[in-house]
Amino acid sequence: MLRWADKPWNLRRLFQVALVYRLVAAIFVATYFNPDEFWQNQEVSTRLVYGTGTLTWEWKPYAQIRGFIHPGATALCYWLLKTLRLDFPCLIVRTSSVVILCIR
């Protein structure tokens, strides 16, 4: 007897449903985010693209204990929005949520 999980089309469908659920949650749920993963990500990304934004000591040249890969992905999206002249505040905030969703 085959279980539902043994059928590849069911696993693919489960993955699709989970991905859509997470995407909808990232866009529409307004809740608390961990400052290290969300707030600092936005600040560093804003600094990389627009030259503004507050950097905490972890990002300063004398300490620099954090890497730029995570905020770099967000900064790339910010740069695309800026280049396309779509960098509205509502899109900037939601872009951060979607990038964090994709990285996790």
Protein backbone atom coordinates (compact mmCIF):
# COMPACT_ATOMS: atom_id res chain seq x y z
CA MET A 1 0.00 0.00 0.00
CA LEU A 2 1.41 3.38 -1.03
CA ARG A 3 1.25 6.22 1.40
CA TRP A 4 0.42 9.70 0.15
CA ALA A 5 4.02 10.85 0.80
CA ASP A 6 5.40 8.14 -1.49
CA LYS A 7 3.82 9.77 -4.53
CA PRO A 8 6.11 12.49 -5.96
CA TRP A 9 3.22 14.59 -7.26
CA ASN A 10 1.85 14.87 -3.73
CA LEU A 11 5.18 16.03 -2.34
CA ARG A 12 5.46 18.58 -5.12
CA ARG A 13 1.93 19.81 -4.40
CA LEU A 14 2.68 20.01 -0.66
CA PHE A 15 5.80 22.07 -1.40
CA GLN A 16 3.82 24.41 -3.67
CA VAL A 17 1.12 24.95 -1.06
CA ALA A 18 3.73 25.57 1.66
CA LEU A 19 5.57 28.07 -0.56
CA VAL A 20 2.40 29.99 -1.37
CA TYR A 21 1.42 30.00 2.31
CA ARG A 22 4.81 31.40 3.35
CA LEU A 23 4.74 34.01 0.60
CA VAL A 24 1.26 35.20 1.60
CA ALA A 25 2.31 35.27 5.26
CA ALA A 26 5.46 37.26 4.44
CA ILE A 27 3.47 39.86 2.54
CA PHE A 28 0.34 40.25 4.65
CA VAL A 29 1.20 39.36 8.25
CA ALA A 30 2.35 42.37 10.26
CA THR A 31 4.02 41.07 13.37
CA TYR A 32 7.22 41.28 15.38
CA PHE A 33 10.45 40.37 13.58
CA ASN A 34 13.76 39.56 15.21
CA PRO A 35 15.81 42.79 14.97
CA ASP A 36 18.96 40.93 13.97
CA GLU A 37 17.23 39.31 11.01
CA PHE A 38 14.89 42.07 9.94
CA TRP A 39 15.73 45.53 11.25
CA GLN A 40 19.48 45.29 10.76
CA ASN A 41 18.95 43.68 7.36
CA GLN A 42 16.90 46.66 6.22
CA GLU A 43 19.30 49.21 7.67
CA VAL A 44 22.41 47.67 6.13
CA SER A 45 20.68 47.15 2.78
CA THR A 46 19.46 50.75 2.76
CA ARG A 47 22.99 51.89 3.56
CA LEU A 48 24.43 49.84 0.67
CA VAL A 49 21.92 51.11 -1.91
CA TYR A 50 20.98 54.64 -0.79
CA GLY A 51 23.91 55.64 1.42
CA THR A 52 21.64 56.22 4.41
CA GLY A 53 20.70 53.97 7.31
CA THR A 54 22.05 53.32 10.75
CA LEU A 55 24.75 50.71 11.21
CA THR A 56 25.18 49.09 14.60
CA TRP A 57 28.65 48.34 15.90
CA GLU A 58 28.60 44.81 14.41
CA TRP A 59 28.76 46.34 10.93
CA LYS A 60 31.38 49.02 11.58
CA PRO A 61 34.81 48.57 9.95
CA TYR A 62 36.59 48.24 13.30
CA ALA A 63 34.42 45.28 14.36
CA GLN A 64 32.63 43.88 11.30
CA ILE A 65 31.59 40.60 12.86
CA ARG A 66 28.67 40.10 10.47
CA GLY A 67 28.77 39.16 6.80
CA PHE A 68 27.10 41.05 3.98
CA ILE A 69 25.61 38.05 2.16
CA HIS A 70 22.18 38.24 3.81
CA PRO A 71 21.74 42.02 3.52
CA GLY A 72 23.42 41.85 0.12
CA ALA A 73 20.50 39.81 -1.25
CA THR A 74 18.07 42.42 0.07
CA ALA A 75 20.26 45.23 -1.25
CA LEU A 76 20.17 43.65 -4.70
CA CYS A 77 16.36 43.73 -4.62
CA TYR A 78 16.40 47.33 -3.35
CA TRP A 79 18.78 48.26 -6.16
CA LEU A 80 16.46 46.65 -8.74
CA LEU A 81 13.49 48.56 -7.32
CA LYS A 82 15.53 51.78 -7.35
CA THR A 83 16.69 51.21 -10.93
CA LEU A 84 13.12 50.53 -12.08
CA ARG A 85 11.90 53.55 -10.06
CA LEU A 86 9.62 51.32 -8.02
CA ASP A 87 11.29 51.96 -4.67
CA PHE A 88 8.15 52.98 -2.80
CA PRO A 89 8.26 52.49 1.00
CA CYS A 90 5.54 49.83 0.95
CA LEU A 91 7.47 47.78 -1.63
CA ILE A 92 10.77 48.22 0.19
CA VAL A 93 9.33 46.84 3.44
CA ARG A 94 7.60 43.90 1.74
CA THR A 95 10.70 43.13 -0.31
CA SER A 96 12.67 42.59 2.91
CA SER A 97 10.03 40.14 4.13
CA VAL A 98 10.06 38.18 0.89
CA VAL A 99 13.87 38.01 0.79
CA ILE A 100 13.98 36.74 4.38
CA LEU A 101 11.30 34.19 3.45
CA CYS A 102 13.41 32.93 0.55
CA ILE A 103 16.61 32.71 2.59
CA ARG A 104 15.11 30.79 5.49
